[in-house]
Amino acid sequence: MNILLVDDSRLARQELRHLLQAHPEVTVVGEARHAAETRQLLPTLRPDVLLLDIHMPGETGFDLLASLDTAPHVIFTTAYDEYALRAFEVNALDYLLKPVQEHRLAAALAKARTALTPPDDNPPTPTPEQAPTLLTEHDQVFVKDGERCWFVRLADIRLFEINGSYTQIYFDTQHPLIPRTLQHLEQRLDPRVFFRANRQQIINLKWIAGIEPWFSNTLKIQLREGPEVEVSRQQSARFRELMSL
């Protein structure tokens, strides 16, 4: 995988080079400080992927992409989180916030490998043992409810709750609805962080503010910033086992 680093900060480019040393399949074919320099290098270096900053002198990373007839795959690297939605609109593989974390870079490179791998004419038949990749609390997810969109860290989501045929997500003061079932979410979320409290709710264990005994040997959990969640009898027993020494 050939990568071109595009960032006006020399220190940022050095840090990315350092992080990429942990990935022997990656070759850094060059560096560019701004959009004009990138356009000069693309025809000769022909990178597979751009690690592209957004804020640069003159033209932004978005301006650069808009000026190209064809572009490599793009992973944005930026200190600003307000451009996440626009990044997905230009089909970026990923959106990494500075300082770039090792596990987020590794996940982005995995997406790049998948995008660069030619489709298999005879893909293997999935087996029941093949489970979807778990999302950790450090991952960010794209949430859309009507005309509103968010790019949210899973660590900031305190509760998933069934609401009709949708699931309601609680983070900050927002409660958007997504067309996903709790069963689907439970299969994707890290069970060390997200716990199925009952048929209706999944809680983030790190948002627990208090626990009290409830009826019939069940538990009631108070989440920071609310609400209260009643844990079913079966899940109360599992919760005690999970959280005990």
C-alpha atoms as a PDB file:
ATOM      1  CA  MET A   1       0.000   0.000   0.000  1.00  0.00           C
ATOM      2  CA  ASN A   2       1.652   3.219  -1.187  1.00  0.00           C
ATOM      3  CA  ILE A   3       0.762   6.294   0.850  1.00  0.00           C
ATOM      4  CA  LEU A   4       1.359  10.005   0.244  1.00  0.00           C
ATOM      5  CA  LEU A   5       1.364  12.223   3.346  1.00  0.00           C
ATOM      6  CA  VAL A   6      -0.245  15.625   2.802  1.00  0.00           C
ATOM      7  CA  ASP A   7       0.072  18.055   5.698  1.00  0.00           C
ATOM      8  CA  ASP A   8       1.540  21.541   6.054  1.00  0.00           C
ATOM      9  CA  SER A   9       3.005  20.580   9.463  1.00  0.00           C
ATOM     10  CA  ARG A  10       6.406  18.862   9.290  1.00  0.00           C
ATOM     11  CA  LEU A  11       5.917  17.507  12.817  1.00  0.00           C
ATOM     12  CA  ALA A  12       2.550  16.011  11.862  1.00  0.00           C
ATOM     13  CA  ARG A  13       4.138  14.275   8.863  1.00  0.00           C
ATOM     14  CA  GLN A  14       6.949  12.937  11.051  1.00  0.00           C
ATOM     15  CA  GLU A  15       4.448  11.590  13.580  1.00  0.00           C
ATOM     16  CA  LEU A  16       2.489   9.810  10.831  1.00  0.00           C
ATOM     17  CA  ARG A  17       5.703   8.297   9.455  1.00  0.00           C
ATOM     18  CA  HIS A  18       6.526   7.042  12.938  1.00  0.00           C
ATOM     19  CA  LEU A  19       3.094   5.462  13.404  1.00  0.00           C
ATOM     20  CA  LEU A  20       3.198   3.860   9.949  1.00  0.00           C
ATOM     21  CA  GLN A  21       6.445   2.046  10.793  1.00  0.00           C
ATOM     22  CA  ALA A  22       4.289  -0.464  12.696  1.00  0.00           C
ATOM     23  CA  HIS A  23       2.685  -1.463   9.368  1.00  0.00           C
ATOM     24  CA  PRO A  24       5.262  -3.182   7.132  1.00  0.00           C
ATOM     25  CA  GLU A  25       2.790  -3.456   4.261  1.00  0.00           C
ATOM     26  CA  VAL A  26       2.770   0.352   3.988  1.00  0.00           C
ATOM     27  CA  THR A  27       5.273   2.388   1.973  1.00  0.00           C
ATOM     28  CA  VAL A  28       5.354   6.178   2.326  1.00  0.00           C
ATOM     29  CA  VAL A  29       6.145   7.234  -1.237  1.00  0.00           C
ATOM     30  CA  GLY A  30       6.342  10.951  -0.511  1.00  0.00           C
ATOM     31  CA  GLU A  31       5.222  14.028   1.374  1.00  0.00           C
ATOM     32  CA  ALA A  32       3.435  17.199   0.312  1.00  0.00           C
ATOM     33  CA  ARG A  33       2.934  20.440   2.226  1.00  0.00           C
ATOM     34  CA  HIS A  34      -0.095  21.781   0.362  1.00  0.00           C
ATOM     35  CA  ALA A  35      -2.574  21.107  -2.434  1.00  0.00           C
ATOM     36  CA  ALA A  36      -0.431  22.460  -5.290  1.00  0.00           C
ATOM     37  CA  GLU A  37       2.519  20.276  -4.313  1.00  0.00           C
ATOM     38  CA  THR A  38       0.215  17.268  -4.058  1.00  0.00           C
ATOM     39  CA  ARG A  39      -1.093  17.789  -7.595  1.00  0.00           C
ATOM     40  CA  GLN A  40       2.514  17.857  -8.880  1.00  0.00           C
ATOM     41  CA  LEU A  41       3.423  14.609  -7.109  1.00  0.00           C
ATOM     42  CA  LEU A  42       0.326  12.518  -7.873  1.00  0.00           C
ATOM     43  CA  PRO A  43       1.110  11.670 -11.541  1.00  0.00           C
ATOM     44  CA  THR A  44       4.612  10.369 -10.744  1.00  0.00           C
ATOM     45  CA  LEU A  45       4.132   8.794  -7.295  1.00  0.00           C
ATOM     46  CA  ARG A  46       0.676   7.296  -8.001  1.00  0.00           C
ATOM     47  CA  PRO A  47      -0.159   6.601  -4.336  1.00  0.00           C
ATOM     48  CA  ASP A  48      -2.925   4.213  -3.370  1.00  0.00           C
ATOM     49  CA  VAL A  49      -3.965   6.329  -0.397  1.00  0.00           C
ATOM     50  CA  LEU A  50      -3.681   9.966   0.694  1.00  0.00           C
ATOM     51  CA  LEU A  51      -3.332  10.738   4.387  1.00  0.00           C
ATOM     52  CA  LEU A  52      -4.756  14.200   3.888  1.00  0.00           C
ATOM     53  CA  ASP A  53      -4.979  17.182   6.216  1.00  0.00           C
ATOM     54  CA  ILE A  54      -7.992  19.478   5.785  1.00  0.00           C
ATOM     55  CA  HIS A  55      -6.637  22.870   6.897  1.00  0.00           C
ATOM     56  CA  MET A  56      -3.624  23.863   4.774  1.00  0.00           C
ATOM     57  CA  PRO A  57      -2.338  27.176   3.392  1.00  0.00           C
ATOM     58  CA  GLY A  58      -4.178  28.238   0.257  1.00  0.00           C
ATOM     59  CA  GLU A  59      -6.501  25.341  -0.596  1.00  0.00           C
ATOM     60  CA  THR A  60      -8.121  22.933   1.844  1.00  0.00           C
ATOM     61  CA  GLY A  61      -8.032  19.174   1.492  1.00  0.00           C
ATOM     62  CA  PHE A  62     -11.588  19.342   0.137  1.00  0.00           C
ATOM     63  CA  ASP A  63     -10.501  21.905  -2.480  1.00  0.00           C
ATOM     64  CA  LEU A  64      -7.717  19.568  -3.558  1.00  0.00           C
ATOM     65  CA  LEU A  65     -10.080  16.632  -4.079  1.00  0.00           C
ATOM     66  CA  ALA A  66     -12.567  18.801  -5.976  1.00  0.00           C
ATOM     67  CA  SER A  67      -9.798  19.824  -8.404  1.00  0.00           C
ATOM     68  CA  LEU A  68      -8.808  16.251  -9.314  1.00  0.00           C
ATOM     69  CA  ASP A  69     -10.356  14.240 -12.126  1.00  0.00           C
ATOM     70  CA  THR A  70      -9.456  11.029 -10.299  1.00  0.00           C
ATOM     71  CA  ALA A  71      -8.122  10.694  -6.787  1.00  0.00           C
ATOM     72  CA  PRO A  72      -6.587   7.958  -4.642  1.00  0.00           C
ATOM     73  CA  HIS A  73      -8.449   6.691  -1.627  1.00  0.00           C
ATOM     74  CA  VAL A  74      -8.468   9.298   1.140  1.00  0.00           C
ATOM     75  CA  ILE A  75      -8.047   9.113   4.906  1.00  0.00           C
ATOM     76  CA  PHE A  76      -8.471  12.568   6.425  1.00  0.00           C
ATOM     77  CA  THR A  77      -6.249  13.634   9.332  1.00  0.00           C
ATOM     78  CA  THR A  78      -7.343  16.792  11.096  1.00  0.00           C
ATOM     79  CA  ALA A  79      -7.551  18.519  14.460  1.00  0.00           C
ATOM     80  CA  TYR A  80     -11.171  19.510  13.785  1.00  0.00           C
ATOM     81  CA  ASP A  81     -14.213  17.248  14.131  1.00  0.00           C
ATOM     82  CA  GLU A  82     -16.813  19.484  12.477  1.00  0.00           C
ATOM     83  CA  TYR A  83     -15.953  18.270   8.948  1.00  0.00           C
ATOM     84  CA  ALA A  84     -16.799  14.610   9.521  1.00  0.00           C
ATOM     85  CA  LEU A  85     -20.071  14.663   7.583  1.00  0.00           C
ATOM     86  CA  ARG A  86     -18.489  16.427   4.617  1.00  0.00           C
ATOM     87  CA  ALA A  87     -15.652  13.887   4.680  1.00  0.00           C
ATOM     88  CA  PHE A  88     -18.141  11.047   4.204  1.00  0.00           C
ATOM     89  CA  GLU A  89     -19.845  12.984   1.410  1.00  0.00           C
ATOM     90  CA  VAL A  90     -16.587  12.843  -0.583  1.00  0.00           C
ATOM     91  CA  ASN A  91     -16.305   9.089   0.145  1.00  0.00           C
ATOM     92  CA  ALA A  92     -13.343   9.285   2.502  1.00  0.00           C
ATOM     93  CA  LEU A  93     -12.325   5.914   3.934  1.00  0.00           C
ATOM     94  CA  ASP A  94     -11.926   7.362   7.413  1.00  0.00           C
ATOM     95  CA  TYR A  95     -11.591  10.543   9.447  1.00  0.00           C
ATOM     96  CA  LEU A  96      -8.789  10.613  12.030  1.00  0.00           C
ATOM     97  CA  LEU A  97      -8.589  13.294  14.683  1.00  0.00           C
ATOM     98  CA  LYS A  98      -5.170  14.608  15.696  1.00  0.00           C
ATOM     99  CA  PRO A  99      -3.251  13.510  17.613  1.00  0.00           C
ATOM    100  CA  VAL A 100      -3.787  10.334  15.582  1.00  0.00           C
ATOM    101  CA  GLN A 101      -4.144   7.257  17.787  1.00  0.00           C
ATOM    102  CA  GLU A 102      -2.433   4.003  16.816  1.00  0.00           C
ATOM    103  CA  HIS A 103      -5.577   1.859  16.950  1.00  0.00           C
ATOM    104  CA  ARG A 104      -7.582   4.355  14.848  1.00  0.00           C
ATOM    105  CA  LEU A 105      -4.841   4.493  12.217  1.00  0.00           C
ATOM    106  CA  ALA A 106      -4.725   0.694  12.141  1.00  0.00           C
ATOM    107  CA  ALA A 107      -8.500   0.548  11.619  1.00  0.00           C
ATOM    108  CA  ALA A 108      -8.291   3.109   8.804  1.00  0.00           C
ATOM    109  CA  LEU A 109      -5.522   1.152   7.073  1.00  0.00           C
ATOM    110  CA  ALA A 110      -7.635  -1.987   7.337  1.00  0.00           C
ATOM    111  CA  LYS A 111     -10.419  -0.166   5.486  1.00  0.00           C
ATOM    112  CA  ALA A 112      -7.891   0.892   2.852  1.00  0.00           C
ATOM    113  CA  ARG A 113      -6.696  -2.702   2.394  1.00  0.00           C
ATOM    114  CA  THR A 114     -10.282  -3.815   1.896  1.00  0.00           C
ATOM    115  CA  ALA A 115     -10.916  -1.041  -0.630  1.00  0.00           C
ATOM    116  CA  LEU A 116      -7.749  -1.925  -2.560  1.00  0.00           C
ATOM    117  CA  THR A 117      -8.390  -5.686  -2.640  1.00  0.00           C
ATOM    118  CA  PRO A 118      -9.956  -6.844  -5.936  1.00  0.00           C
ATOM    119  CA  PRO A 119     -13.308  -8.590  -5.496  1.00  0.00           C
ATOM    120  CA  ASP A 120     -13.161 -12.376  -5.340  1.00  0.00           C
ATOM    121  CA  ASP A 121     -15.175 -14.070  -8.082  1.00  0.00           C
ATOM    122  CA  ASN A 122     -15.752 -16.988  -5.729  1.00  0.00           C
ATOM    123  CA  PRO A 123     -15.877 -15.576  -2.192  1.00  0.00           C
ATOM    124  CA  PRO A 124     -16.024 -18.142   0.614  1.00  0.00           C
ATOM    125  CA  THR A 125     -19.419 -18.905   2.014  1.00  0.00           C
ATOM    126  CA  PRO A 126     -19.781 -17.241   5.432  1.00  0.00           C
ATOM    127  CA  THR A 127     -19.881 -19.649   8.331  1.00  0.00           C
ATOM    128  CA  PRO A 128     -21.753 -19.189  11.606  1.00  0.00           C
ATOM    129  CA  GLU A 129     -18.403 -18.683  13.364  1.00  0.00           C
ATOM    130  CA  GLN A 130     -17.656 -15.527  11.349  1.00  0.00           C
ATOM    131  CA  ALA A 131     -18.789 -12.701  13.613  1.00  0.00           C
ATOM    132  CA  PRO A 132     -18.866  -9.005  12.657  1.00  0.00           C
ATOM    133  CA  THR A 133     -15.975  -6.842  13.841  1.00  0.00           C
ATOM    134  CA  LEU A 134     -16.688  -5.417  17.284  1.00  0.00           C
ATOM    135  CA  LEU A 135     -16.860  -1.661  17.669  1.00  0.00           C
ATOM    136  CA  THR A 136     -14.908  -0.432  20.693  1.00  0.00           C
ATOM    137  CA  GLU A 137     -15.630   2.598  22.836  1.00  0.00           C
ATOM    138  CA  HIS A 138     -12.866   4.445  20.962  1.00  0.00           C
ATOM    139  CA  ASP A 139     -14.601   4.093  17.599  1.00  0.00           C
ATOM    140  CA  GLN A 140     -16.695   6.863  16.109  1.00  0.00           C
ATOM    141  CA  VAL A 141     -20.008   6.206  14.375  1.00  0.00           C
ATOM    142  CA  PHE A 142     -22.051   8.209  11.917  1.00  0.00           C
ATOM    143  CA  VAL A 143     -25.613   8.867  13.124  1.00  0.00           C
ATOM    144  CA  LYS A 144     -28.346  10.349  10.919  1.00  0.00           C
ATOM    145  CA  ASP A 145     -31.870  11.220  12.059  1.00  0.00           C
ATOM    146  CA  GLY A 146     -33.899  13.022   9.416  1.00  0.00           C
ATOM    147  CA  GLU A 147     -31.915  16.064   8.262  1.00  0.00           C
ATOM    148  CA  ARG A 148     -29.587  16.046  11.286  1.00  0.00           C
ATOM    149  CA  CYS A 149     -26.272  14.202  11.421  1.00  0.00           C
ATOM    150  CA  TRP A 150     -23.669  13.503  14.077  1.00  0.00           C
ATOM    151  CA  PHE A 151     -20.245  11.833  14.237  1.00  0.00           C
ATOM    152  CA  VAL A 152     -20.212  10.333  17.741  1.00  0.00           C
ATOM    153  CA  ARG A 153     -17.656   8.459  19.806  1.00  0.00           C
ATOM    154  CA  LEU A 154     -19.213   5.308  21.219  1.00  0.00           C
ATOM    155  CA  ALA A 155     -17.688   6.215  24.592  1.00  0.00           C
ATOM    156  CA  ASP A 156     -20.027   9.227  24.667  1.00  0.00           C
ATOM    157  CA  ILE A 157     -23.183   7.155  24.126  1.00  0.00           C
ATOM    158  CA  ARG A 158     -24.670   6.204  27.497  1.00  0.00           C
ATOM    159  CA  LEU A 159     -27.814   4.341  26.401  1.00  0.00           C
ATOM    160  CA  PHE A 160     -29.456   2.533  23.480  1.00  0.00           C
ATOM    161  CA  GLU A 161     -33.222   2.128  23.913  1.00  0.00           C
ATOM    162  CA  ILE A 162     -35.968   0.612  21.762  1.00  0.00           C
ATOM    163  CA  ASN A 163     -38.492   3.176  20.551  1.00  0.00           C
ATOM    164  CA  GLY A 164     -41.121   1.542  18.334  1.00  0.00           C
ATOM    165  CA  SER A 165     -39.357  -0.024  15.361  1.00  0.00           C
ATOM    166  CA  TYR A 166     -36.284   2.175  15.902  1.00  0.00           C
ATOM    167  CA  THR A 167     -33.520   2.452  18.502  1.00  0.00           C
ATOM    168  CA  GLN A 168     -32.999   5.724  20.343  1.00  0.00           C
ATOM    169  CA  ILE A 169     -29.431   6.792  21.162  1.00  0.00           C
ATOM    170  CA  TYR A 170     -28.625   8.956  24.182  1.00  0.00           C
ATOM    171  CA  PHE A 171     -25.511  11.180  24.063  1.00  0.00           C
ATOM    172  CA  ASP A 172     -24.997  14.732  25.325  1.00  0.00           C
ATOM    173  CA  THR A 173     -28.477  16.276  25.107  1.00  0.00           C
ATOM    174  CA  GLN A 174     -29.314  14.453  21.862  1.00  0.00           C
ATOM    175  CA  HIS A 175     -31.691  11.488  21.462  1.00  0.00           C
ATOM    176  CA  PRO A 176     -31.736  10.605  17.730  1.00  0.00           C
ATOM    177  CA  LEU A 177     -33.465   7.515  16.309  1.00  0.00           C
ATOM    178  CA  ILE A 178     -31.718   4.989  14.056  1.00  0.00           C
ATOM    179  CA  PRO A 179     -33.240   2.098  12.051  1.00  0.00           C
ATOM    180  CA  ARG A 180     -31.359  -0.627  13.921  1.00  0.00           C
ATOM    181  CA  THR A 181     -32.500  -3.344  16.312  1.00  0.00           C
ATOM    182  CA  LEU A 182     -30.952  -3.878  19.723  1.00  0.00           C
ATOM    183  CA  GLN A 183     -30.002  -7.402  18.639  1.00  0.00           C
ATOM    184  CA  HIS A 184     -27.988  -5.985  15.732  1.00  0.00           C
ATOM    185  CA  LEU A 185     -26.292  -3.422  18.006  1.00  0.00           C
ATOM    186  CA  GLU A 186     -25.529  -6.020  20.669  1.00  0.00           C
ATOM    187  CA  GLN A 187     -23.641  -8.071  18.084  1.00  0.00           C
ATOM    188  CA  ARG A 188     -21.534  -5.043  17.081  1.00  0.00           C
ATOM    189  CA  LEU A 189     -20.786  -3.485  20.494  1.00  0.00           C
ATOM    190  CA  ASP A 190     -17.957  -4.482  22.839  1.00  0.00           C
ATOM    191  CA  PRO A 191     -19.603  -6.486  25.679  1.00  0.00           C
ATOM    192  CA  ARG A 192     -16.916  -5.301  28.100  1.00  0.00           C
ATOM    193  CA  VAL A 193     -18.381  -1.788  27.814  1.00  0.00           C
ATOM    194  CA  PHE A 194     -21.981  -2.179  26.626  1.00  0.00           C
ATOM    195  CA  PHE A 195     -24.382  -4.325  28.658  1.00  0.00           C
ATOM    196  CA  ARG A 196     -27.871  -5.548  27.682  1.00  0.00           C
ATOM    197  CA  ALA A 197     -29.862  -4.515  30.757  1.00  0.00           C
ATOM    198  CA  ASN A 198     -33.218  -5.811  29.559  1.00  0.00           C
ATOM    199  CA  ARG A 199     -35.216  -6.403  26.389  1.00  0.00           C
ATOM    200  CA  GLN A 200     -35.473  -2.669  25.748  1.00  0.00           C
ATOM    201  CA  GLN A 201     -32.103  -1.165  26.696  1.00  0.00           C
ATOM    202  CA  ILE A 202     -28.314  -1.465  26.342  1.00  0.00           C
ATOM    203  CA  ILE A 203     -26.251   0.670  28.729  1.00  0.00           C
ATOM    204  CA  ASN A 204     -22.680   1.924  28.677  1.00  0.00           C
ATOM    205  CA  LEU A 205     -21.130   0.540  31.876  1.00  0.00           C
ATOM    206  CA  LYS A 206     -18.783   3.504  32.145  1.00  0.00           C
ATOM    207  CA  TRP A 207     -21.727   5.881  32.527  1.00  0.00           C
ATOM    208  CA  ILE A 208     -23.076   4.205  35.669  1.00  0.00           C
ATOM    209  CA  ALA A 209     -23.496   6.717  38.506  1.00  0.00           C
ATOM    210  CA  GLY A 210     -25.213   4.449  41.024  1.00  0.00           C
ATOM    211  CA  ILE A 211     -26.750   1.011  41.602  1.00  0.00           C
ATOM    212  CA  GLU A 212     -29.477   0.026  44.049  1.00  0.00           C
ATOM    213  CA  PRO A 213     -31.358  -3.210  44.809  1.00  0.00           C
ATOM    214  CA  TRP A 214     -34.824  -3.358  43.260  1.00  0.00           C
ATOM    215  CA  PHE A 215     -37.825  -5.673  43.295  1.00  0.00           C
ATOM    216  CA  SER A 216     -37.457  -9.476  43.150  1.00  0.00           C
ATOM    217  CA  ASN A 217     -33.666  -9.459  43.409  1.00  0.00           C
ATOM    218  CA  THR A 218     -33.266  -7.124  40.433  1.00  0.00           C
ATOM    219  CA  LEU A 219     -31.195  -3.965  40.173  1.00  0.00           C
ATOM    220  CA  LYS A 220     -31.867  -0.354  39.259  1.00  0.00           C
ATOM    221  CA  ILE A 221     -29.003   1.551  37.629  1.00  0.00           C
ATOM    222  CA  GLN A 222     -28.704   5.328  37.554  1.00  0.00           C
ATOM    223  CA  LEU A 223     -26.773   6.641  34.567  1.00  0.00           C
ATOM    224  CA  ARG A 224     -24.909   9.927  34.678  1.00  0.00           C
ATOM    225  CA  GLU A 225     -27.148  12.560  33.031  1.00  0.00           C
ATOM    226  CA  GLY A 226     -29.977   9.992  33.220  1.00  0.00           C
ATOM    227  CA  PRO A 227     -32.122   8.077  32.869  1.00  0.00           C
ATOM    228  CA  GLU A 228     -32.659   5.264  35.405  1.00  0.00           C
ATOM    229  CA  VAL A 229     -32.605   1.740  33.995  1.00  0.00           C
ATOM    230  CA  GLU A 230     -34.265  -1.303  35.566  1.00  0.00           C
ATOM    231  CA  VAL A 231     -32.228  -4.456  34.956  1.00  0.00           C
ATOM    232  CA  SER A 232     -34.171  -7.664  34.353  1.00  0.00           C
ATOM    233  CA  ARG A 233     -33.844 -10.516  36.869  1.00  0.00           C
ATOM    234  CA  GLN A 234     -31.751 -12.668  34.548  1.00  0.00           C
ATOM    235  CA  GLN A 235     -29.505  -9.777  33.537  1.00  0.00           C
ATOM    236  CA  SER A 236     -29.200  -8.619  37.153  1.00  0.00           C
ATOM    237  CA  ALA A 237     -27.656 -11.984  38.024  1.00  0.00           C
ATOM    238  CA  ARG A 238     -25.367 -11.709  34.998  1.00  0.00           C
ATOM    239  CA  PHE A 239     -24.445  -8.135  35.929  1.00  0.00           C
ATOM    240  CA  ARG A 240     -23.453  -9.181  39.462  1.00  0.00           C
ATOM    241  CA  GLU A 241     -21.309 -12.000  38.077  1.00  0.00           C
ATOM    242  CA  LEU A 242     -19.737  -9.762  35.436  1.00  0.00           C
ATOM    243  CA  MET A 243     -18.874  -6.913  37.802  1.00  0.00           C
ATOM    244  CA  SER A 244     -17.762  -8.934  40.854  1.00  0.00           C
ATOM    245  CA  LEU A 245     -14.202  -9.914  41.716  1.00  0.00           C
END
